[in-house]
Amino acid sequence: MHIMTKVTLGLGVALLIGSVILAVIGGGSTVADLAENPNGVEVWSGTAPDTYQGNFDVMGSYFVFVEDGETVDVTLVGGDVDNRFIPCEEEPNDCDWYDWAGHTYVGQIVVYTPGTWEVELNGTGGVVLTEQVVDIGGVMSIFGGMVGFCCSFCVIGLGVIFIFTLKDNKAQQGVMMVQQADGTIQPVGGMPMQQPGGASPLVGGAVHPAFATEQPTTQPLQQQTSQQGQILPPIGGQQPPNQGF
């Protein structure tokens, strides 16, 4: 398998595992908190007419419950179209979504400008205000895990494509012929090298005779003499030393 294929598949699997861990561990606390407190946590209770002043966060939901059978008007002092009390009648089936013992859910306060706000309660009856704040870290963990989960499949798919498109190049091995002291030739290495004309030095596991013949490194000088006993120049082109007369 090509090295690039291995790296791509390994990265895809690691990204997949990391995404699952991030989504499960990071978002586990957020999901557990929502399941444990579906109606939020009580931050204030009183009897109308009254006012409440407190800190409101942009990531929080603030639910208003009124005592059963009573009517209370809720107003966010200084609010506008983005920061206001939203009656449950504005959302379909929202009035029956939350439940507080002995009270009826009437709506929620939503703010896009975090800070201290004053809530004015007019009417009669008991009022309970609850808060449910979403953990931004947990939400980002869930979102990051989902994105990483999708990206991991893209990387793994790319690795699968590499399996069929990239081929591993095998290194070609040669053989080195080493001449021994006794004149024989010993092959050293893996695959035998092709000789000119297609001949191989190995035949049947042994060295081919043509490659096992010891070749002399130098040829001895031969001298010839004439019939008259004179020394002729040696074969090979070298001149004999000068002879004195």
C-alpha atoms as a PDB file:
ATOM      1  CA  MET A   1       0.000   0.000   0.000  1.00  0.00           C
ATOM      2  CA  HIS A   2       1.303   3.427  -0.951  1.00  0.00           C
ATOM      3  CA  ILE A   3       2.523   5.607   1.941  1.00  0.00           C
ATOM      4  CA  MET A   4       0.113   8.398   0.949  1.00  0.00           C
ATOM      5  CA  THR A   5      -2.805   5.976   1.173  1.00  0.00           C
ATOM      6  CA  LYS A   6      -1.767   4.876   4.656  1.00  0.00           C
ATOM      7  CA  VAL A   7      -1.439   8.464   5.874  1.00  0.00           C
ATOM      8  CA  THR A   8      -4.842   9.472   4.457  1.00  0.00           C
ATOM      9  CA  LEU A   9      -6.696   6.488   5.899  1.00  0.00           C
ATOM     10  CA  GLY A  10      -5.007   6.916   9.275  1.00  0.00           C
ATOM     11  CA  LEU A  11      -5.916  10.608   9.392  1.00  0.00           C
ATOM     12  CA  GLY A  12      -9.536   9.854   8.484  1.00  0.00           C
ATOM     13  CA  VAL A  13      -9.922   7.204  11.191  1.00  0.00           C
ATOM     14  CA  ALA A  14      -8.272   9.441  13.814  1.00  0.00           C
ATOM     15  CA  LEU A  15     -10.566  12.327  12.860  1.00  0.00           C
ATOM     16  CA  LEU A  16     -13.612  10.071  13.097  1.00  0.00           C
ATOM     17  CA  ILE A  17     -12.709   8.817  16.571  1.00  0.00           C
ATOM     18  CA  GLY A  18     -11.840  12.312  17.798  1.00  0.00           C
ATOM     19  CA  SER A  19     -15.118  13.741  16.513  1.00  0.00           C
ATOM     20  CA  VAL A  20     -17.179  11.117  18.294  1.00  0.00           C
ATOM     21  CA  ILE A  21     -15.299  11.691  21.557  1.00  0.00           C
ATOM     22  CA  LEU A  22     -15.689  15.476  21.248  1.00  0.00           C
ATOM     23  CA  ALA A  23     -19.426  15.277  20.604  1.00  0.00           C
ATOM     24  CA  VAL A  24     -20.127  12.753  23.371  1.00  0.00           C
ATOM     25  CA  ILE A  25     -17.949  14.200  26.133  1.00  0.00           C
ATOM     26  CA  GLY A  26     -18.252  17.873  25.220  1.00  0.00           C
ATOM     27  CA  GLY A  27     -22.012  17.861  24.739  1.00  0.00           C
ATOM     28  CA  GLY A  28     -22.801  15.355  27.453  1.00  0.00           C
ATOM     29  CA  SER A  29     -22.985  17.968  30.208  1.00  0.00           C
ATOM     30  CA  THR A  30     -25.332  20.206  28.179  1.00  0.00           C
ATOM     31  CA  VAL A  31     -27.735  17.386  27.350  1.00  0.00           C
ATOM     32  CA  ALA A  32     -27.672  16.129  30.949  1.00  0.00           C
ATOM     33  CA  ASP A  33     -28.459  19.604  32.296  1.00  0.00           C
ATOM     34  CA  LEU A  34     -31.411  20.053  29.917  1.00  0.00           C
ATOM     35  CA  ALA A  35     -32.759  16.629  30.839  1.00  0.00           C
ATOM     36  CA  GLU A  36     -32.378  17.283  34.572  1.00  0.00           C
ATOM     37  CA  ASN A  37     -33.958  20.756  34.512  1.00  0.00           C
ATOM     38  CA  PRO A  38     -36.360  20.935  31.547  1.00  0.00           C
ATOM     39  CA  ASN A  39     -38.219  23.894  33.131  1.00  0.00           C
ATOM     40  CA  GLY A  40     -35.073  25.744  34.208  1.00  0.00           C
ATOM     41  CA  VAL A  41     -33.900  26.623  37.711  1.00  0.00           C
ATOM     42  CA  GLU A  42     -35.900  28.968  39.921  1.00  0.00           C
ATOM     43  CA  VAL A  43     -34.268  32.399  40.301  1.00  0.00           C
ATOM     44  CA  TRP A  44     -37.155  34.387  41.802  1.00  0.00           C
ATOM     45  CA  SER A  45     -40.681  33.976  43.151  1.00  0.00           C
ATOM     46  CA  GLY A  46     -43.193  36.559  44.439  1.00  0.00           C
ATOM     47  CA  THR A  47     -46.777  37.760  44.344  1.00  0.00           C
ATOM     48  CA  ALA A  48     -48.089  40.273  41.813  1.00  0.00           C
ATOM     49  CA  PRO A  49     -48.176  43.197  41.673  1.00  0.00           C
ATOM     50  CA  ASP A  50     -44.429  43.281  42.092  1.00  0.00           C
ATOM     51  CA  THR A  51     -41.152  43.959  40.265  1.00  0.00           C
ATOM     52  CA  TYR A  52     -38.012  41.912  39.792  1.00  0.00           C
ATOM     53  CA  GLN A  53     -34.569  43.200  38.846  1.00  0.00           C
ATOM     54  CA  GLY A  54     -31.803  40.837  37.872  1.00  0.00           C
ATOM     55  CA  ASN A  55     -29.103  39.901  35.404  1.00  0.00           C
ATOM     56  CA  PHE A  56     -30.198  38.423  32.083  1.00  0.00           C
ATOM     57  CA  ASP A  57     -27.861  36.610  29.680  1.00  0.00           C
ATOM     58  CA  VAL A  58     -28.194  36.363  25.908  1.00  0.00           C
ATOM     59  CA  MET A  59     -27.708  32.575  26.023  1.00  0.00           C
ATOM     60  CA  GLY A  60     -30.380  32.140  28.707  1.00  0.00           C
ATOM     61  CA  SER A  61     -34.081  31.395  28.540  1.00  0.00           C
ATOM     62  CA  TYR A  62     -36.248  32.914  31.322  1.00  0.00           C
ATOM     63  CA  PHE A  63     -39.624  31.232  31.815  1.00  0.00           C
ATOM     64  CA  VAL A  64     -42.522  32.878  33.675  1.00  0.00           C
ATOM     65  CA  PHE A  65     -45.034  30.725  35.597  1.00  0.00           C
ATOM     66  CA  VAL A  66     -48.206  32.196  37.136  1.00  0.00           C
ATOM     67  CA  GLU A  67     -50.244  30.575  39.895  1.00  0.00           C
ATOM     68  CA  ASP A  68     -53.083  28.444  38.509  1.00  0.00           C
ATOM     69  CA  GLY A  69     -56.262  30.441  37.962  1.00  0.00           C
ATOM     70  CA  GLU A  70     -54.559  33.837  38.268  1.00  0.00           C
ATOM     71  CA  THR A  71     -53.770  36.479  35.628  1.00  0.00           C
ATOM     72  CA  VAL A  72     -50.535  38.465  35.571  1.00  0.00           C
ATOM     73  CA  ASP A  73     -49.238  40.879  32.919  1.00  0.00           C
ATOM     74  CA  VAL A  74     -45.451  40.707  32.432  1.00  0.00           C
ATOM     75  CA  THR A  75     -43.459  43.642  31.019  1.00  0.00           C
ATOM     76  CA  LEU A  76     -39.716  44.034  30.477  1.00  0.00           C
ATOM     77  CA  VAL A  77     -39.017  47.633  31.435  1.00  0.00           C
ATOM     78  CA  GLY A  78     -37.060  49.474  28.720  1.00  0.00           C
ATOM     79  CA  GLY A  79     -37.397  46.585  26.302  1.00  0.00           C
ATOM     80  CA  ASP A  80     -37.786  46.698  22.538  1.00  0.00           C
ATOM     81  CA  VAL A  81     -38.502  44.347  19.647  1.00  0.00           C
ATOM     82  CA  ASP A  82     -35.419  42.234  20.473  1.00  0.00           C
ATOM     83  CA  ASN A  83     -35.575  42.461  24.272  1.00  0.00           C
ATOM     84  CA  ARG A  84     -39.072  41.666  25.511  1.00  0.00           C
ATOM     85  CA  PHE A  85     -41.533  39.266  27.101  1.00  0.00           C
ATOM     86  CA  ILE A  86     -42.927  36.752  24.573  1.00  0.00           C
ATOM     87  CA  PRO A  87     -46.361  35.307  25.540  1.00  0.00           C
ATOM     88  CA  CYS A  88     -46.702  31.586  24.969  1.00  0.00           C
ATOM     89  CA  GLU A  89     -49.638  32.220  22.616  1.00  0.00           C
ATOM     90  CA  GLU A  90     -47.200  33.515  19.976  1.00  0.00           C
ATOM     91  CA  GLU A  91     -45.708  30.034  19.586  1.00  0.00           C
ATOM     92  CA  PRO A  92     -47.979  27.103  18.624  1.00  0.00           C
ATOM     93  CA  ASN A  93     -48.421  24.571  21.460  1.00  0.00           C
ATOM     94  CA  ASP A  94     -45.842  26.456  23.535  1.00  0.00           C
ATOM     95  CA  CYS A  95     -48.187  27.053  26.480  1.00  0.00           C
ATOM     96  CA  ASP A  96     -48.274  23.332  27.331  1.00  0.00           C
ATOM     97  CA  TRP A  97     -44.563  22.733  26.772  1.00  0.00           C
ATOM     98  CA  TYR A  98     -43.350  23.634  30.289  1.00  0.00           C
ATOM     99  CA  ASP A  99     -44.879  22.631  33.618  1.00  0.00           C
ATOM    100  CA  TRP A 100     -44.336  23.912  37.153  1.00  0.00           C
ATOM    101  CA  ALA A 101     -46.271  22.414  40.050  1.00  0.00           C
ATOM    102  CA  GLY A 102     -49.309  24.588  40.897  1.00  0.00           C
ATOM    103  CA  HIS A 103     -48.474  27.133  38.200  1.00  0.00           C
ATOM    104  CA  THR A 104     -49.191  27.740  34.517  1.00  0.00           C
ATOM    105  CA  TYR A 105     -46.561  28.671  31.984  1.00  0.00           C
ATOM    106  CA  VAL A 106     -47.419  32.040  30.398  1.00  0.00           C
ATOM    107  CA  GLY A 107     -44.299  32.897  28.359  1.00  0.00           C
ATOM    108  CA  GLN A 108     -40.605  33.730  28.472  1.00  0.00           C
ATOM    109  CA  ILE A 109     -38.333  36.758  28.605  1.00  0.00           C
ATOM    110  CA  VAL A 110     -35.778  36.994  25.792  1.00  0.00           C
ATOM    111  CA  VAL A 111     -32.893  39.492  25.662  1.00  0.00           C
ATOM    112  CA  TYR A 112     -30.238  40.101  23.000  1.00  0.00           C
ATOM    113  CA  THR A 113     -28.524  42.763  25.115  1.00  0.00           C
ATOM    114  CA  PRO A 114     -27.126  41.065  28.217  1.00  0.00           C
ATOM    115  CA  GLY A 115     -27.104  42.979  31.475  1.00  0.00           C
ATOM    116  CA  THR A 116     -29.397  44.051  34.293  1.00  0.00           C
ATOM    117  CA  TRP A 117     -33.094  44.319  33.430  1.00  0.00           C
ATOM    118  CA  GLU A 118     -36.237  45.091  35.412  1.00  0.00           C
ATOM    119  CA  VAL A 119     -39.412  43.000  35.072  1.00  0.00           C
ATOM    120  CA  GLU A 120     -42.779  44.549  35.999  1.00  0.00           C
ATOM    121  CA  LEU A 121     -45.559  42.185  37.126  1.00  0.00           C
ATOM    122  CA  ASN A 122     -49.141  43.541  37.201  1.00  0.00           C
ATOM    123  CA  GLY A 123     -52.180  41.536  38.352  1.00  0.00           C
ATOM    124  CA  THR A 124     -52.801  39.092  41.163  1.00  0.00           C
ATOM    125  CA  GLY A 125     -51.354  35.742  42.106  1.00  0.00           C
ATOM    126  CA  GLY A 126     -48.012  34.089  42.662  1.00  0.00           C
ATOM    127  CA  VAL A 127     -45.259  34.280  40.052  1.00  0.00           C
ATOM    128  CA  VAL A 128     -42.183  32.086  39.571  1.00  0.00           C
ATOM    129  CA  LEU A 129     -39.280  33.051  37.258  1.00  0.00           C
ATOM    130  CA  THR A 130     -36.892  30.282  36.156  1.00  0.00           C
ATOM    131  CA  GLU A 131     -33.638  30.414  34.203  1.00  0.00           C
ATOM    132  CA  GLN A 132     -32.213  27.918  31.741  1.00  0.00           C
ATOM    133  CA  VAL A 133     -28.751  28.854  30.421  1.00  0.00           C
ATOM    134  CA  VAL A 134     -27.254  26.923  27.519  1.00  0.00           C
ATOM    135  CA  ASP A 135     -23.568  26.047  27.908  1.00  0.00           C
ATOM    136  CA  ILE A 136     -21.910  27.603  24.859  1.00  0.00           C
ATOM    137  CA  GLY A 137     -18.903  25.320  25.265  1.00  0.00           C
ATOM    138  CA  GLY A 138     -21.077  22.222  25.137  1.00  0.00           C
ATOM    139  CA  VAL A 139     -22.962  23.480  22.091  1.00  0.00           C
ATOM    140  CA  MET A 140     -19.714  24.214  20.254  1.00  0.00           C
ATOM    141  CA  SER A 141     -18.431  20.743  21.158  1.00  0.00           C
ATOM    142  CA  ILE A 142     -21.507  19.125  19.670  1.00  0.00           C
ATOM    143  CA  PHE A 143     -21.279  21.271  16.545  1.00  0.00           C
ATOM    144  CA  GLY A 144     -17.529  20.620  16.163  1.00  0.00           C
ATOM    145  CA  GLY A 145     -18.065  16.890  16.611  1.00  0.00           C
ATOM    146  CA  MET A 146     -20.722  16.813  13.898  1.00  0.00           C
ATOM    147  CA  VAL A 147     -18.519  18.757  11.462  1.00  0.00           C
ATOM    148  CA  GLY A 148     -15.507  16.555  12.184  1.00  0.00           C
ATOM    149  CA  PHE A 149     -17.648  13.427  11.794  1.00  0.00           C
ATOM    150  CA  CYS A 150     -18.668  14.493   8.270  1.00  0.00           C
ATOM    151  CA  CYS A 151     -15.118  15.518   7.314  1.00  0.00           C
ATOM    152  CA  SER A 152     -13.698  12.190   8.494  1.00  0.00           C
ATOM    153  CA  PHE A 153     -15.806  10.303   5.936  1.00  0.00           C
ATOM    154  CA  CYS A 154     -14.524  12.603   3.192  1.00  0.00           C
ATOM    155  CA  VAL A 155     -10.906  11.876   4.185  1.00  0.00           C
ATOM    156  CA  ILE A 156     -11.549   8.118   4.420  1.00  0.00           C
ATOM    157  CA  GLY A 157     -13.205   8.208   0.996  1.00  0.00           C
ATOM    158  CA  LEU A 158     -10.140   9.946  -0.415  1.00  0.00           C
ATOM    159  CA  GLY A 159      -7.966   7.193   1.056  1.00  0.00           C
ATOM    160  CA  VAL A 160     -10.114   4.530  -0.621  1.00  0.00           C
ATOM    161  CA  ILE A 161      -9.608   6.302  -3.949  1.00  0.00           C
ATOM    162  CA  PHE A 162      -5.858   6.302  -3.365  1.00  0.00           C
ATOM    163  CA  ILE A 163      -5.955   2.510  -2.884  1.00  0.00           C
ATOM    164  CA  PHE A 164      -6.977   2.056  -6.521  1.00  0.00           C
ATOM    165  CA  THR A 165      -4.991   4.930  -8.033  1.00  0.00           C
ATOM    166  CA  LEU A 166      -1.610   4.940  -6.276  1.00  0.00           C
ATOM    167  CA  LYS A 167       0.765   1.999  -6.703  1.00  0.00           C
ATOM    168  CA  ASP A 168       3.776   1.241  -4.528  1.00  0.00           C
ATOM    169  CA  ASN A 169       7.023   1.359  -6.532  1.00  0.00           C
ATOM    170  CA  LYS A 170       9.255  -1.590  -5.721  1.00  0.00           C
ATOM    171  CA  ALA A 171      12.948  -0.904  -5.688  1.00  0.00           C
ATOM    172  CA  GLN A 172      14.920  -2.876  -8.243  1.00  0.00           C
ATOM    173  CA  GLN A 173      17.626  -5.021  -6.701  1.00  0.00           C
ATOM    174  CA  GLY A 174      20.861  -5.932  -8.463  1.00  0.00           C
ATOM    175  CA  VAL A 175      23.658  -8.396  -7.877  1.00  0.00           C
ATOM    176  CA  MET A 176      27.300  -7.577  -7.406  1.00  0.00           C
ATOM    177  CA  MET A 177      29.870 -10.014  -8.740  1.00  0.00           C
ATOM    178  CA  VAL A 178      32.885 -10.325  -6.491  1.00  0.00           C
ATOM    179  CA  GLN A 179      36.016 -12.179  -7.683  1.00  0.00           C
ATOM    180  CA  GLN A 180      37.430 -14.464  -5.016  1.00  0.00           C
ATOM    181  CA  ALA A 181      41.109 -15.131  -4.385  1.00  0.00           C
ATOM    182  CA  ASP A 182      40.881 -18.576  -6.039  1.00  0.00           C
ATOM    183  CA  GLY A 183      39.580 -17.048  -9.256  1.00  0.00           C
ATOM    184  CA  THR A 184      35.881 -17.916  -8.781  1.00  0.00           C
ATOM    185  CA  ILE A 185      33.169 -15.274  -8.962  1.00  0.00           C
ATOM    186  CA  GLN A 186      30.772 -14.952  -6.010  1.00  0.00           C
ATOM    187  CA  PRO A 187      27.379 -13.162  -6.482  1.00  0.00           C
ATOM    188  CA  VAL A 188      26.432 -10.739  -3.689  1.00  0.00           C
ATOM    189  CA  GLY A 189      22.922  -9.216  -3.437  1.00  0.00           C
ATOM    190  CA  GLY A 190      19.341 -10.104  -4.327  1.00  0.00           C
ATOM    191  CA  MET A 191      18.036 -10.414  -7.844  1.00  0.00           C
ATOM    192  CA  PRO A 192      20.669 -11.155 -10.527  1.00  0.00           C
ATOM    193  CA  MET A 193      21.525  -8.432 -12.972  1.00  0.00           C
ATOM    194  CA  GLN A 194      20.802  -9.020 -16.621  1.00  0.00           C
ATOM    195  CA  GLN A 195      23.900  -9.311 -18.731  1.00  0.00           C
ATOM    196  CA  PRO A 196      24.202  -8.059 -22.311  1.00  0.00           C
ATOM    197  CA  GLY A 197      22.368 -10.358 -24.687  1.00  0.00           C
ATOM    198  CA  GLY A 198      20.042 -11.625 -21.914  1.00  0.00           C
ATOM    199  CA  ALA A 199      22.656 -13.915 -20.287  1.00  0.00           C
ATOM    200  CA  SER A 200      22.557 -14.322 -16.534  1.00  0.00           C
ATOM    201  CA  PRO A 201      25.613 -15.177 -14.423  1.00  0.00           C
ATOM    202  CA  LEU A 202      23.517 -17.683 -12.443  1.00  0.00           C
ATOM    203  CA  VAL A 203      22.404 -20.916 -14.080  1.00  0.00           C
ATOM    204  CA  GLY A 204      20.556 -23.457 -11.954  1.00  0.00           C
ATOM    205  CA  GLY A 205      21.714 -21.746  -8.770  1.00  0.00           C
ATOM    206  CA  ALA A 206      25.419 -21.779  -9.793  1.00  0.00           C
ATOM    207  CA  VAL A 207      27.667 -19.307 -11.549  1.00  0.00           C
ATOM    208  CA  HIS A 208      27.676 -19.622 -15.311  1.00  0.00           C
ATOM    209  CA  PRO A 209      31.029 -21.040 -16.557  1.00  0.00           C
ATOM    210  CA  ALA A 210      31.543 -18.036 -18.805  1.00  0.00           C
ATOM    211  CA  PHE A 211      31.701 -15.854 -15.723  1.00  0.00           C
ATOM    212  CA  ALA A 212      33.744 -18.251 -13.591  1.00  0.00           C
ATOM    213  CA  THR A 213      36.892 -18.285 -15.803  1.00  0.00           C
ATOM    214  CA  GLU A 214      39.713 -16.441 -14.208  1.00  0.00           C
ATOM    215  CA  GLN A 215      41.056 -13.758 -16.499  1.00  0.00           C
ATOM    216  CA  PRO A 216      44.680 -12.721 -16.048  1.00  0.00           C
ATOM    217  CA  THR A 217      45.097  -9.104 -15.278  1.00  0.00           C
ATOM    218  CA  THR A 218      48.305  -8.687 -17.281  1.00  0.00           C
ATOM    219  CA  GLN A 219      49.919 -10.494 -20.139  1.00  0.00           C
ATOM    220  CA  PRO A 220      53.629 -11.383 -19.783  1.00  0.00           C
ATOM    221  CA  LEU A 221      55.984  -9.902 -22.323  1.00  0.00           C
ATOM    222  CA  GLN A 222      57.200 -12.403 -24.826  1.00  0.00           C
ATOM    223  CA  GLN A 223      60.467 -12.017 -26.624  1.00  0.00           C
ATOM    224  CA  GLN A 224      61.478 -13.566 -29.893  1.00  0.00           C
ATOM    225  CA  THR A 225      64.876 -14.446 -31.176  1.00  0.00           C
ATOM    226  CA  SER A 226      65.922 -14.686 -34.735  1.00  0.00           C
ATOM    227  CA  GLN A 227      67.654 -17.626 -36.214  1.00  0.00           C
ATOM    228  CA  GLN A 228      70.953 -15.756 -35.972  1.00  0.00           C
ATOM    229  CA  GLY A 229      70.473 -15.436 -32.177  1.00  0.00           C
ATOM    230  CA  GLN A 230      69.593 -11.787 -32.225  1.00  0.00           C
ATOM    231  CA  ILE A 231      66.975 -10.627 -29.753  1.00  0.00           C
ATOM    232  CA  LEU A 232      63.958  -9.133 -31.504  1.00  0.00           C
ATOM    233  CA  PRO A 233      61.683  -6.544 -29.950  1.00  0.00           C
ATOM    234  CA  PRO A 234      59.167  -8.117 -27.583  1.00  0.00           C
ATOM    235  CA  ILE A 235      55.592  -8.540 -28.659  1.00  0.00           C
ATOM    236  CA  GLY A 236      53.541  -5.689 -27.308  1.00  0.00           C
ATOM    237  CA  GLY A 237      55.471  -2.811 -28.751  1.00  0.00           C
ATOM    238  CA  GLN A 238      58.088  -2.365 -25.989  1.00  0.00           C
ATOM    239  CA  GLN A 239      61.738  -1.961 -26.988  1.00  0.00           C
ATOM    240  CA  PRO A 240      64.456  -4.014 -25.247  1.00  0.00           C
ATOM    241  CA  PRO A 241      67.140  -2.192 -23.356  1.00  0.00           C
ATOM    242  CA  ASN A 242      70.105  -1.027 -25.343  1.00  0.00           C
ATOM    243  CA  GLN A 243      72.706  -3.720 -25.866  1.00  0.00           C
ATOM    244  CA  GLY A 244      76.341  -2.714 -25.923  1.00  0.00           C
ATOM    245  CA  PHE A 245      78.412  -3.741 -28.930  1.00  0.00           C
END
